N, C-alpha and C. Protein backbone atom coordinates (compact mmCIF):
# COMPACT_ATOMS: atom_id res chain seq x y z
N MET A 1 0.85 -1.19 0.00
CA MET A 1 0.00 0.00 0.00
C MET A 1 0.88 1.24 0.00
N VAL A 2 0.69 2.12 -0.97
CA VAL A 2 1.48 3.34 -1.07
C VAL A 2 0.93 4.37 -0.09
N GLY A 3 1.83 5.00 0.67
CA GLY A 3 1.39 6.00 1.63
C GLY A 3 2.46 7.05 1.82
N ARG A 4 2.20 7.97 2.73
CA ARG A 4 3.18 8.99 3.04
C ARG A 4 3.02 9.38 4.50
N THR A 5 4.08 9.97 5.06
CA THR A 5 4.01 10.41 6.44
C THR A 5 3.33 11.77 6.51
N VAL A 6 2.92 12.13 7.71
CA VAL A 6 2.30 13.44 7.89
C VAL A 6 3.28 14.54 7.52
N ARG A 7 4.59 14.31 7.75
CA ARG A 7 5.57 15.33 7.38
C ARG A 7 5.54 15.62 5.88
N GLY A 8 5.17 14.63 5.09
CA GLY A 8 5.04 14.85 3.66
C GLY A 8 3.85 15.72 3.31
N LEU A 9 2.92 15.87 4.26
CA LEU A 9 1.73 16.69 4.04
C LEU A 9 1.90 18.10 4.58
N VAL A 10 3.05 18.40 5.17
CA VAL A 10 3.23 19.69 5.84
C VAL A 10 2.88 20.88 4.96
N PRO A 11 3.36 20.97 3.70
CA PRO A 11 2.99 22.14 2.89
C PRO A 11 1.49 22.31 2.74
N VAL A 12 0.78 21.20 2.50
CA VAL A 12 -0.68 21.27 2.34
C VAL A 12 -1.35 21.68 3.64
N LEU A 13 -0.91 21.07 4.75
CA LEU A 13 -1.55 21.35 6.02
C LEU A 13 -1.24 22.76 6.52
N LEU A 14 -0.05 23.26 6.21
CA LEU A 14 0.27 24.63 6.61
C LEU A 14 -0.58 25.64 5.86
N VAL A 15 -0.84 25.37 4.58
CA VAL A 15 -1.74 26.25 3.83
C VAL A 15 -3.13 26.22 4.45
N ALA A 16 -3.61 25.01 4.76
CA ALA A 16 -4.93 24.90 5.40
C ALA A 16 -4.94 25.62 6.73
N GLY A 17 -3.83 25.49 7.48
CA GLY A 17 -3.74 26.16 8.77
C GLY A 17 -3.77 27.66 8.64
N ALA A 18 -3.11 28.18 7.62
CA ALA A 18 -3.12 29.63 7.41
C ALA A 18 -4.52 30.12 7.10
N LEU A 19 -5.26 29.31 6.35
CA LEU A 19 -6.61 29.72 5.97
C LEU A 19 -7.58 29.63 7.13
N THR A 20 -7.31 28.74 8.10
CA THR A 20 -8.24 28.55 9.20
C THR A 20 -7.75 29.18 10.49
N GLY A 21 -6.52 29.70 10.49
CA GLY A 21 -6.04 30.39 11.67
C GLY A 21 -5.70 29.46 12.79
N CYS A 22 -4.67 28.63 12.65
CA CYS A 22 -4.37 27.59 13.62
C CYS A 22 -3.52 28.08 14.78
N SER A 23 -3.81 29.21 15.35
CA SER A 23 -3.09 29.67 16.52
C SER A 23 -4.09 29.95 17.62
N PRO A 24 -3.65 29.87 18.91
CA PRO A 24 -4.58 30.10 20.00
C PRO A 24 -5.20 31.48 19.97
N GLU A 25 -4.57 32.45 19.26
CA GLU A 25 -5.08 33.80 19.23
C GLU A 25 -6.19 33.99 18.20
N SER A 26 -6.47 32.96 17.40
CA SER A 26 -7.47 33.12 16.34
C SER A 26 -8.85 33.33 16.92
N GLY A 27 -9.76 33.82 16.07
CA GLY A 27 -11.10 34.14 16.51
C GLY A 27 -11.91 32.92 16.87
N ASP A 28 -13.11 33.16 17.39
CA ASP A 28 -13.93 32.07 17.91
C ASP A 28 -14.99 31.62 16.95
N GLY A 29 -14.92 32.07 15.69
CA GLY A 29 -15.88 31.60 14.71
C GLY A 29 -17.25 32.21 14.82
N THR A 30 -17.33 33.40 15.38
CA THR A 30 -18.64 34.03 15.54
C THR A 30 -18.83 35.17 14.56
N GLY A 31 -18.12 35.12 13.44
CA GLY A 31 -18.24 36.17 12.43
C GLY A 31 -19.59 36.16 11.76
N PRO A 32 -19.91 37.21 11.04
CA PRO A 32 -21.21 37.31 10.37
C PRO A 32 -21.45 36.16 9.41
N GLY A 33 -22.63 35.61 9.46
CA GLY A 33 -23.01 34.58 8.50
C GLY A 33 -22.44 33.21 8.78
N ALA A 34 -21.75 33.02 9.90
CA ALA A 34 -21.16 31.72 10.19
C ALA A 34 -22.20 30.86 10.88
N LYS A 35 -22.82 29.97 10.13
CA LYS A 35 -23.85 29.10 10.66
C LYS A 35 -23.47 27.66 10.42
N PRO A 36 -23.61 26.78 11.44
CA PRO A 36 -23.29 25.38 11.21
C PRO A 36 -24.18 24.80 10.14
N GLY A 37 -23.59 24.07 9.21
CA GLY A 37 -24.37 23.47 8.15
C GLY A 37 -24.59 24.38 6.98
N GLY A 38 -24.33 25.68 7.13
CA GLY A 38 -24.38 26.59 6.00
C GLY A 38 -25.76 26.95 5.50
N GLY A 39 -26.81 26.70 6.27
CA GLY A 39 -28.14 27.11 5.86
C GLY A 39 -28.70 26.29 4.71
N THR A 40 -29.58 26.90 3.93
CA THR A 40 -30.33 26.20 2.89
C THR A 40 -29.43 25.61 1.83
N ALA A 41 -28.42 26.35 1.38
CA ALA A 41 -27.54 25.86 0.31
C ALA A 41 -26.82 24.60 0.73
N ALA A 42 -26.30 24.58 1.95
CA ALA A 42 -25.59 23.39 2.41
C ALA A 42 -26.54 22.22 2.62
N LYS A 43 -27.73 22.49 3.14
CA LYS A 43 -28.69 21.41 3.34
C LYS A 43 -29.09 20.79 2.01
N SER A 44 -29.24 21.61 0.98
CA SER A 44 -29.56 21.11 -0.35
C SER A 44 -28.45 20.23 -0.88
N ALA A 45 -27.20 20.67 -0.73
CA ALA A 45 -26.06 19.89 -1.20
C ALA A 45 -25.92 18.61 -0.40
N ALA A 46 -26.18 18.69 0.92
CA ALA A 46 -26.03 17.52 1.77
C ALA A 46 -27.06 16.45 1.45
N GLY A 47 -28.15 16.81 0.80
CA GLY A 47 -29.16 15.83 0.44
C GLY A 47 -28.83 15.04 -0.80
N LYS A 48 -27.75 15.40 -1.48
CA LYS A 48 -27.36 14.74 -2.72
C LYS A 48 -26.16 13.83 -2.47
N THR A 49 -26.02 12.82 -3.31
CA THR A 49 -24.83 11.97 -3.24
C THR A 49 -24.12 12.00 -4.58
N ALA A 50 -22.80 11.96 -4.52
CA ALA A 50 -21.99 11.98 -5.73
C ALA A 50 -22.02 10.61 -6.42
N ALA A 51 -21.66 10.59 -7.69
CA ALA A 51 -21.54 9.33 -8.41
C ALA A 51 -20.34 8.55 -7.88
N LYS A 52 -20.52 7.26 -7.72
CA LYS A 52 -19.46 6.41 -7.18
C LYS A 52 -18.32 6.23 -8.17
N GLY A 53 -17.09 6.36 -7.65
CA GLY A 53 -15.92 6.14 -8.49
C GLY A 53 -15.07 4.99 -8.01
N GLY A 54 -15.35 4.47 -6.84
CA GLY A 54 -14.55 3.38 -6.28
C GLY A 54 -14.89 3.21 -4.81
N THR A 55 -14.21 2.29 -4.17
CA THR A 55 -14.41 2.02 -2.75
C THR A 55 -13.08 2.09 -2.03
N VAL A 56 -13.07 2.68 -0.86
CA VAL A 56 -11.85 2.80 -0.07
C VAL A 56 -12.04 2.08 1.27
N GLY A 57 -10.95 1.54 1.78
CA GLY A 57 -10.97 0.87 3.07
C GLY A 57 -10.49 -0.55 3.03
N GLY A 58 -10.69 -1.23 1.91
CA GLY A 58 -10.26 -2.60 1.77
C GLY A 58 -8.84 -2.72 1.26
N ALA A 59 -8.34 -3.93 1.21
CA ALA A 59 -6.99 -4.17 0.70
C ALA A 59 -6.87 -3.70 -0.74
N GLY A 60 -5.79 -2.99 -1.04
CA GLY A 60 -5.55 -2.52 -2.40
C GLY A 60 -6.33 -1.29 -2.79
N SER A 61 -7.02 -0.66 -1.84
CA SER A 61 -7.87 0.50 -2.17
C SER A 61 -7.17 1.84 -2.00
N GLY A 62 -5.93 1.82 -1.57
CA GLY A 62 -5.21 3.06 -1.28
C GLY A 62 -5.10 3.32 0.20
N CYS A 63 -6.13 2.95 0.95
CA CYS A 63 -6.12 3.05 2.41
C CYS A 63 -6.82 1.82 2.98
N GLU A 64 -6.16 1.09 3.84
CA GLU A 64 -6.79 -0.04 4.53
C GLU A 64 -7.30 0.46 5.87
N LEU A 65 -8.63 0.42 6.03
CA LEU A 65 -9.28 1.03 7.18
C LEU A 65 -10.13 0.03 7.95
N ARG A 66 -10.68 0.46 9.07
CA ARG A 66 -11.60 -0.37 9.84
C ARG A 66 -13.00 -0.36 9.25
N VAL A 67 -13.22 0.56 8.34
CA VAL A 67 -14.50 0.66 7.64
C VAL A 67 -14.21 0.74 6.15
N THR A 68 -15.24 0.53 5.36
CA THR A 68 -15.15 0.79 3.92
C THR A 68 -16.30 1.72 3.53
N PHE A 69 -16.08 2.50 2.49
CA PHE A 69 -17.14 3.35 1.96
C PHE A 69 -16.80 3.73 0.53
N ASP A 70 -17.80 4.22 -0.17
CA ASP A 70 -17.63 4.58 -1.58
C ASP A 70 -17.02 5.98 -1.71
N MET A 71 -16.16 6.13 -2.72
CA MET A 71 -15.56 7.42 -3.05
C MET A 71 -16.23 8.00 -4.28
N ALA A 72 -16.26 9.31 -4.35
CA ALA A 72 -16.77 9.98 -5.54
C ALA A 72 -15.80 9.80 -6.70
N LYS A 73 -16.32 9.92 -7.91
CA LYS A 73 -15.50 9.78 -9.11
C LYS A 73 -14.34 10.76 -9.10
N ARG A 74 -13.18 10.25 -9.48
CA ARG A 74 -11.94 11.01 -9.66
C ARG A 74 -11.30 11.48 -8.35
N TRP A 75 -11.87 11.15 -7.20
CA TRP A 75 -11.20 11.44 -5.95
C TRP A 75 -10.10 10.39 -5.75
N ASN A 76 -9.01 10.77 -5.13
CA ASN A 76 -7.85 9.89 -5.01
C ASN A 76 -7.48 9.67 -3.54
N ALA A 77 -7.43 8.39 -3.13
CA ALA A 77 -7.12 8.05 -1.74
C ALA A 77 -5.65 7.67 -1.57
N GLN A 78 -5.06 8.13 -0.48
CA GLN A 78 -3.69 7.78 -0.16
C GLN A 78 -3.54 7.63 1.34
N ALA A 79 -2.88 6.55 1.76
CA ALA A 79 -2.66 6.30 3.18
C ALA A 79 -1.69 7.33 3.76
N VAL A 80 -1.90 7.64 5.04
CA VAL A 80 -1.03 8.57 5.77
C VAL A 80 -0.55 7.88 7.04
N ALA A 81 0.74 7.98 7.32
CA ALA A 81 1.31 7.38 8.52
C ALA A 81 1.74 8.47 9.48
N VAL A 82 1.29 8.39 10.73
CA VAL A 82 1.71 9.32 11.77
C VAL A 82 2.84 8.66 12.55
N GLU A 83 4.04 9.20 12.48
CA GLU A 83 5.19 8.63 13.16
C GLU A 83 5.19 9.09 14.62
N SER A 84 5.15 8.14 15.53
CA SER A 84 4.98 8.45 16.95
C SER A 84 6.14 9.24 17.54
N ASP A 85 7.33 9.13 16.94
CA ASP A 85 8.50 9.83 17.49
C ASP A 85 8.69 11.22 16.90
N SER A 86 7.75 11.67 16.10
CA SER A 86 7.88 12.97 15.44
C SER A 86 6.92 13.99 16.05
N PRO A 87 7.44 15.07 16.65
CA PRO A 87 6.56 16.12 17.17
C PRO A 87 5.71 16.77 16.08
N VAL A 88 6.27 16.87 14.86
CA VAL A 88 5.51 17.44 13.75
C VAL A 88 4.32 16.56 13.42
N ASP A 89 4.56 15.24 13.34
CA ASP A 89 3.47 14.31 13.06
C ASP A 89 2.41 14.39 14.15
N ALA A 90 2.87 14.43 15.40
CA ALA A 90 1.92 14.47 16.52
C ALA A 90 1.05 15.72 16.46
N ALA A 91 1.66 16.85 16.08
CA ALA A 91 0.92 18.11 16.04
C ALA A 91 -0.06 18.18 14.88
N LEU A 92 0.35 17.68 13.71
CA LEU A 92 -0.47 17.81 12.51
C LEU A 92 -1.34 16.59 12.23
N GLY A 93 -0.90 15.44 12.72
CA GLY A 93 -1.59 14.21 12.36
C GLY A 93 -2.48 13.64 13.44
N THR A 94 -2.61 14.34 14.57
CA THR A 94 -3.46 13.89 15.66
C THR A 94 -4.40 15.02 16.05
N GLN A 95 -5.67 14.70 16.21
CA GLN A 95 -6.65 15.70 16.65
C GLN A 95 -7.57 15.05 17.67
N GLY A 96 -7.45 15.49 18.91
CA GLY A 96 -8.23 14.87 19.96
C GLY A 96 -7.84 13.41 20.13
N PRO A 97 -8.82 12.49 20.12
CA PRO A 97 -8.52 11.08 20.38
C PRO A 97 -8.16 10.27 19.15
N VAL A 98 -8.02 10.91 18.00
CA VAL A 98 -7.82 10.15 16.75
C VAL A 98 -6.61 10.68 15.98
N SER A 99 -6.06 9.81 15.13
CA SER A 99 -4.93 10.16 14.28
C SER A 99 -5.29 9.94 12.82
N MET A 100 -4.73 10.77 11.95
CA MET A 100 -5.01 10.68 10.53
C MET A 100 -4.40 9.42 9.93
N VAL A 101 -5.19 8.70 9.14
CA VAL A 101 -4.69 7.48 8.50
C VAL A 101 -4.91 7.48 6.99
N CYS A 102 -5.74 8.39 6.49
CA CYS A 102 -6.05 8.38 5.06
C CYS A 102 -6.48 9.77 4.63
N GLU A 103 -6.04 10.15 3.43
CA GLU A 103 -6.43 11.43 2.85
C GLU A 103 -6.98 11.17 1.45
N ILE A 104 -8.19 11.65 1.20
CA ILE A 104 -8.84 11.45 -0.10
C ILE A 104 -8.96 12.82 -0.76
N ASP A 105 -8.19 13.00 -1.82
CA ASP A 105 -7.99 14.30 -2.45
C ASP A 105 -9.05 14.57 -3.51
N ALA A 106 -9.67 15.75 -3.43
CA ALA A 106 -10.71 16.12 -4.39
C ALA A 106 -10.16 16.87 -5.60
N LYS A 107 -8.88 17.20 -5.60
CA LYS A 107 -8.34 18.01 -6.71
C LYS A 107 -8.54 17.36 -8.08
N PRO A 108 -8.35 16.03 -8.23
CA PRO A 108 -8.59 15.45 -9.56
C PRO A 108 -10.02 15.64 -10.05
N ALA A 109 -10.95 15.86 -9.11
CA ALA A 109 -12.36 16.09 -9.48
C ALA A 109 -12.67 17.58 -9.63
N GLY A 110 -11.65 18.43 -9.46
CA GLY A 110 -11.85 19.85 -9.68
C GLY A 110 -12.18 20.67 -8.45
N HIS A 111 -11.98 20.10 -7.25
CA HIS A 111 -12.27 20.82 -6.01
C HIS A 111 -11.00 20.96 -5.18
N ILE A 112 -11.00 21.93 -4.28
CA ILE A 112 -9.87 22.14 -3.38
C ILE A 112 -10.29 21.73 -1.98
N GLY A 113 -9.98 20.51 -1.62
CA GLY A 113 -10.36 20.00 -0.32
C GLY A 113 -10.10 18.51 -0.22
N PHE A 114 -10.39 17.97 0.95
CA PHE A 114 -10.10 16.56 1.22
C PHE A 114 -11.19 15.95 2.10
N LEU A 115 -11.40 14.66 1.93
CA LEU A 115 -11.99 13.82 2.96
C LEU A 115 -10.81 13.19 3.69
N ARG A 116 -10.74 13.38 5.00
CA ARG A 116 -9.66 12.77 5.77
C ARG A 116 -10.26 11.79 6.77
N VAL A 117 -9.63 10.63 6.87
CA VAL A 117 -10.08 9.59 7.78
C VAL A 117 -9.13 9.53 8.96
N TRP A 118 -9.70 9.51 10.15
CA TRP A 118 -8.95 9.48 11.40
C TRP A 118 -9.41 8.27 12.20
N GLN A 119 -8.49 7.61 12.89
CA GLN A 119 -8.83 6.45 13.70
C GLN A 119 -8.21 6.58 15.09
N GLY A 120 -8.93 6.02 16.10
CA GLY A 120 -8.43 6.02 17.47
C GLY A 120 -8.37 4.62 18.02
N ASP A 121 -7.88 4.49 19.23
CA ASP A 121 -7.78 3.16 19.83
C ASP A 121 -9.12 2.73 20.40
N GLY A 122 -9.14 1.55 20.98
CA GLY A 122 -10.40 0.97 21.44
C GLY A 122 -11.03 1.66 22.62
N LYS A 123 -10.35 2.65 23.21
CA LYS A 123 -10.87 3.35 24.37
C LYS A 123 -11.51 4.69 23.99
N GLY A 124 -11.90 4.82 22.75
CA GLY A 124 -12.33 6.12 22.23
C GLY A 124 -13.68 6.61 22.69
N GLY A 125 -14.52 5.79 23.32
CA GLY A 125 -15.83 6.24 23.75
C GLY A 125 -16.86 6.14 22.64
N THR A 126 -18.01 6.78 22.86
CA THR A 126 -19.09 6.75 21.88
C THR A 126 -18.75 7.66 20.70
N PRO A 127 -19.42 7.45 19.55
CA PRO A 127 -19.18 8.35 18.42
C PRO A 127 -19.41 9.82 18.77
N ARG A 128 -20.42 10.12 19.57
CA ARG A 128 -20.67 11.52 19.97
C ARG A 128 -19.51 12.05 20.80
N GLN A 129 -19.03 11.26 21.76
CA GLN A 129 -17.91 11.71 22.59
C GLN A 129 -16.66 11.94 21.76
N VAL A 130 -16.41 11.04 20.81
CA VAL A 130 -15.23 11.17 19.96
C VAL A 130 -15.31 12.45 19.13
N LEU A 131 -16.48 12.71 18.54
CA LEU A 131 -16.63 13.93 17.74
C LEU A 131 -16.50 15.19 18.59
N GLU A 132 -17.06 15.17 19.78
CA GLU A 132 -16.94 16.33 20.66
C GLU A 132 -15.48 16.62 20.98
N ASP A 133 -14.70 15.57 21.26
CA ASP A 133 -13.28 15.74 21.55
C ASP A 133 -12.51 16.17 20.30
N PHE A 134 -12.90 15.64 19.15
CA PHE A 134 -12.26 15.99 17.89
C PHE A 134 -12.45 17.47 17.58
N VAL A 135 -13.66 17.95 17.72
CA VAL A 135 -13.94 19.36 17.44
C VAL A 135 -13.31 20.26 18.49
N ALA A 136 -13.36 19.83 19.76
CA ALA A 136 -12.79 20.64 20.83
C ALA A 136 -11.29 20.84 20.67
N ALA A 137 -10.63 19.91 19.99
CA ALA A 137 -9.18 20.02 19.78
C ALA A 137 -8.83 21.10 18.77
N ASP A 138 -9.81 21.59 18.03
CA ASP A 138 -9.60 22.71 17.11
C ASP A 138 -10.07 23.98 17.80
N GLU A 139 -9.13 24.81 18.23
CA GLU A 139 -9.47 25.99 19.01
C GLU A 139 -10.25 27.03 18.21
N ASN A 140 -10.31 26.86 16.92
CA ASN A 140 -11.01 27.81 16.06
C ASN A 140 -12.41 27.35 15.67
N ALA A 141 -12.84 26.21 16.22
CA ALA A 141 -14.15 25.65 15.87
C ALA A 141 -15.24 26.20 16.79
N SER A 142 -16.42 26.39 16.24
CA SER A 142 -17.56 26.85 17.04
C SER A 142 -18.85 26.50 16.31
N ARG A 143 -19.96 26.85 16.96
CA ARG A 143 -21.30 26.69 16.37
C ARG A 143 -21.55 25.26 15.89
N THR A 144 -21.38 24.33 16.79
CA THR A 144 -21.55 22.93 16.45
C THR A 144 -23.02 22.53 16.46
N ALA A 145 -23.37 21.60 15.58
CA ALA A 145 -24.72 21.03 15.53
C ALA A 145 -24.57 19.54 15.26
N TYR A 146 -25.03 18.71 16.19
CA TYR A 146 -24.88 17.26 16.10
C TYR A 146 -26.18 16.59 15.67
N THR A 147 -26.06 15.56 14.87
CA THR A 147 -27.20 14.73 14.48
C THR A 147 -26.78 13.27 14.55
N ARG A 148 -27.76 12.41 14.62
CA ARG A 148 -27.50 10.97 14.69
C ARG A 148 -28.36 10.26 13.67
N SER A 149 -27.78 9.25 13.02
CA SER A 149 -28.52 8.48 12.02
C SER A 149 -28.05 7.03 12.07
N THR A 150 -28.74 6.19 11.32
CA THR A 150 -28.38 4.78 11.22
C THR A 150 -28.08 4.45 9.78
N VAL A 151 -26.94 3.83 9.54
CA VAL A 151 -26.55 3.37 8.21
C VAL A 151 -26.39 1.86 8.29
N GLY A 152 -27.33 1.14 7.69
CA GLY A 152 -27.33 -0.31 7.87
C GLY A 152 -27.55 -0.63 9.34
N LYS A 153 -26.57 -1.30 9.96
CA LYS A 153 -26.64 -1.60 11.39
C LYS A 153 -25.75 -0.68 12.21
N LEU A 154 -25.15 0.31 11.56
CA LEU A 154 -24.21 1.20 12.24
C LEU A 154 -24.89 2.47 12.73
N SER A 155 -24.57 2.87 13.94
CA SER A 155 -25.03 4.14 14.48
C SER A 155 -23.97 5.20 14.16
N VAL A 156 -24.38 6.23 13.43
CA VAL A 156 -23.45 7.26 12.96
C VAL A 156 -23.83 8.60 13.58
N THR A 157 -22.86 9.29 14.15
CA THR A 157 -23.07 10.64 14.66
C THR A 157 -22.34 11.62 13.75
N GLU A 158 -23.00 12.72 13.42
CA GLU A 158 -22.44 13.71 12.51
C GLU A 158 -22.42 15.08 13.19
N VAL A 159 -21.43 15.88 12.86
CA VAL A 159 -21.36 17.24 13.37
C VAL A 159 -21.11 18.20 12.21
N ALA A 160 -21.85 19.29 12.21
CA ALA A 160 -21.60 20.42 11.30
C ALA A 160 -21.15 21.58 12.17
N TYR A 161 -20.11 22.27 11.76
CA TYR A 161 -19.59 23.37 12.57
C TYR A 161 -18.88 24.38 11.69
N THR A 162 -18.40 25.44 12.28
CA THR A 162 -17.65 26.44 11.54
C THR A 162 -16.24 26.56 12.12
N VAL A 163 -15.30 26.92 11.26
CA VAL A 163 -13.91 27.15 11.66
C VAL A 163 -13.54 28.57 11.24
N HIS A 164 -13.08 29.35 12.19
CA HIS A 164 -12.79 30.76 11.92
C HIS A 164 -11.34 30.96 11.51
N SER A 165 -11.13 31.80 10.51
CA SER A 165 -9.79 32.18 10.08
C SER A 165 -9.57 33.65 10.39
N LYS A 166 -8.61 33.93 11.26
CA LYS A 166 -8.28 35.31 11.57
C LYS A 166 -7.64 36.00 10.37
N ILE A 167 -6.82 35.24 9.63
CA ILE A 167 -6.14 35.81 8.46
C ILE A 167 -7.14 36.21 7.39
N MET A 168 -8.09 35.30 7.09
CA MET A 168 -9.08 35.58 6.06
C MET A 168 -10.25 36.43 6.58
N GLU A 169 -10.32 36.55 7.91
CA GLU A 169 -11.40 37.30 8.56
C GLU A 169 -12.77 36.77 8.17
N GLU A 170 -12.88 35.46 8.15
CA GLU A 170 -14.16 34.83 7.84
C GLU A 170 -14.18 33.43 8.42
N SER A 171 -15.35 32.85 8.46
CA SER A 171 -15.52 31.48 8.92
C SER A 171 -15.90 30.60 7.76
N ARG A 172 -15.46 29.36 7.79
CA ARG A 172 -15.82 28.40 6.76
C ARG A 172 -16.49 27.20 7.41
N GLU A 173 -17.26 26.49 6.64
CA GLU A 173 -17.99 25.34 7.14
C GLU A 173 -17.12 24.09 7.15
N ALA A 174 -17.40 23.20 8.07
CA ALA A 174 -16.73 21.91 8.15
C ALA A 174 -17.75 20.88 8.63
N ARG A 175 -17.45 19.63 8.37
CA ARG A 175 -18.39 18.57 8.73
C ARG A 175 -17.62 17.28 8.96
N ALA A 176 -18.12 16.45 9.85
CA ALA A 176 -17.48 15.16 10.12
C ALA A 176 -18.53 14.18 10.62
N PHE A 177 -18.26 12.90 10.42
CA PHE A 177 -19.09 11.88 11.06
C PHE A 177 -18.19 10.86 11.72
N ALA A 178 -18.73 10.19 12.73
CA ALA A 178 -17.96 9.20 13.49
C ALA A 178 -18.79 7.94 13.68
N VAL A 179 -18.08 6.83 13.77
CA VAL A 179 -18.71 5.54 14.00
C VAL A 179 -17.80 4.71 14.89
N ALA A 180 -18.38 3.87 15.73
CA ALA A 180 -17.60 2.98 16.58
C ALA A 180 -17.38 1.66 15.85
N THR A 181 -16.17 1.11 15.98
CA THR A 181 -15.86 -0.22 15.46
C THR A 181 -15.26 -1.04 16.59
N PRO A 182 -15.18 -2.36 16.44
CA PRO A 182 -14.58 -3.18 17.50
C PRO A 182 -13.14 -2.79 17.84
N ASP A 183 -12.44 -2.16 16.90
CA ASP A 183 -11.04 -1.78 17.13
C ASP A 183 -10.87 -0.33 17.53
N GLY A 184 -11.95 0.41 17.62
CA GLY A 184 -11.85 1.82 17.99
C GLY A 184 -12.63 2.71 17.06
N PRO A 185 -12.73 3.99 17.40
CA PRO A 185 -13.55 4.92 16.61
C PRO A 185 -12.91 5.31 15.29
N VAL A 186 -13.77 5.66 14.34
CA VAL A 186 -13.34 6.19 13.04
C VAL A 186 -14.07 7.50 12.81
N VAL A 187 -13.33 8.52 12.40
CA VAL A 187 -13.90 9.82 12.06
C VAL A 187 -13.58 10.12 10.60
N VAL A 188 -14.58 10.54 9.85
CA VAL A 188 -14.39 10.98 8.47
C VAL A 188 -14.74 12.46 8.42
N HIS A 189 -13.78 13.28 8.04
CA HIS A 189 -13.91 14.74 8.09
C HIS A 189 -13.83 15.35 6.70
N LEU A 190 -14.69 16.30 6.43
CA LEU A 190 -14.65 17.05 5.17
C LEU A 190 -14.28 18.49 5.45
N GLY A 191 -13.18 18.93 4.87
CA GLY A 191 -12.79 20.33 4.95
C GLY A 191 -13.03 21.00 3.61
N GLY A 192 -12.20 21.96 3.30
CA GLY A 192 -12.34 22.68 2.03
C GLY A 192 -11.69 24.04 2.13
N LEU A 193 -11.32 24.59 0.99
CA LEU A 193 -10.67 25.90 0.96
C LEU A 193 -11.55 26.97 1.58
N ASP A 194 -12.85 26.90 1.30
CA ASP A 194 -13.81 27.85 1.85
C ASP A 194 -15.17 27.18 1.88
N SER A 195 -16.18 27.91 2.32
CA SER A 195 -17.52 27.31 2.43
C SER A 195 -18.10 26.92 1.08
N GLN A 196 -17.77 27.68 0.04
CA GLN A 196 -18.28 27.34 -1.29
C GLN A 196 -17.73 26.00 -1.75
N GLU A 197 -16.43 25.79 -1.57
CA GLU A 197 -15.83 24.51 -1.92
C GLU A 197 -16.40 23.40 -1.05
N HIS A 198 -16.58 23.69 0.23
CA HIS A 198 -17.12 22.69 1.15
C HIS A 198 -18.50 22.21 0.68
N ARG A 199 -19.35 23.15 0.32
CA ARG A 199 -20.70 22.78 -0.12
C ARG A 199 -20.66 21.98 -1.42
N ALA A 200 -19.72 22.34 -2.30
CA ALA A 200 -19.61 21.61 -3.56
C ALA A 200 -19.18 20.16 -3.35
N MET A 201 -18.48 19.90 -2.24
CA MET A 201 -17.99 18.55 -1.96
C MET A 201 -18.91 17.75 -1.04
N LEU A 202 -19.97 18.36 -0.54
CA LEU A 202 -20.88 17.65 0.36
C LEU A 202 -21.47 16.37 -0.25
N PRO A 203 -21.79 16.32 -1.56
CA PRO A 203 -22.29 15.06 -2.11
C PRO A 203 -21.30 13.90 -1.96
N ALA A 204 -20.00 14.19 -2.01
CA ALA A 204 -19.00 13.14 -1.80
C ALA A 204 -19.00 12.69 -0.34
N PHE A 205 -19.19 13.62 0.57
CA PHE A 205 -19.30 13.30 1.99
C PHE A 205 -20.53 12.43 2.25
N GLU A 206 -21.65 12.79 1.63
CA GLU A 206 -22.88 12.01 1.79
C GLU A 206 -22.72 10.61 1.21
N LEU A 207 -22.05 10.50 0.08
CA LEU A 207 -21.81 9.18 -0.51
C LEU A 207 -21.02 8.31 0.45
N ALA A 208 -19.98 8.88 1.06
CA ALA A 208 -19.18 8.12 2.01
C ALA A 208 -20.02 7.68 3.20
N LYS A 209 -20.81 8.58 3.74
CA LYS A 209 -21.62 8.26 4.93
C LYS A 209 -22.68 7.21 4.63
N ARG A 210 -23.38 7.36 3.53
CA ARG A 210 -24.50 6.46 3.23
C ARG A 210 -24.05 5.07 2.79
N SER A 211 -22.79 4.95 2.37
CA SER A 211 -22.27 3.64 1.94
C SER A 211 -21.39 3.00 3.01
N LEU A 212 -21.34 3.59 4.19
CA LEU A 212 -20.43 3.15 5.25
C LEU A 212 -20.77 1.74 5.74
N ARG A 213 -19.74 0.94 5.92
CA ARG A 213 -19.89 -0.39 6.49
C ARG A 213 -18.58 -0.80 7.14
N LEU A 214 -18.66 -1.74 8.06
CA LEU A 214 -17.45 -2.21 8.72
C LEU A 214 -16.56 -2.93 7.72
N GLY A 215 -15.25 -2.72 7.86
CA GLY A 215 -14.29 -3.34 6.95
C GLY A 215 -14.10 -4.82 7.23
């Protein structure tokens, strides 16, 4: 399986950090128009699913995960390794109780953003607890809205929230869902350059969520 370390993602993650204001001094996400879920436009996009282009999670899929789900057409999955002895990896590749294990790039499909998969150990708690800790680890996150649904036999918790960028002086939308597995929690997160890109990629997020199953 071809992969890369978090250090190999540093240029991409630093750009994302600059856009979202990854310092303790950044704003609290209460800027004008910052609403979790993005209002009507985001809800409309979230109701759609993208066309399937492949499946990720199984052997030979680009990322071997505890779950499998469908990817949108032209999105590209690549495994990510967080090296435990690297402070850089720990800072960029871990958020709350989970660590990044897979990055699914939307650029081949014409979007600027990623679906990122994060996994934790078996002591991760409920999906809601994991998501709360995941979001709390981002000091720029606010205006959270949680929902719960069932996919097959899996209980899935989802959060929509905003992330404030002091540099850009605006907030952008973000979304994630979490599920418990016998080996620990899994979080799938959708970011994006801005809220417009985020909304354009929501059908890919919905495809992943609605096709979710244990690996």
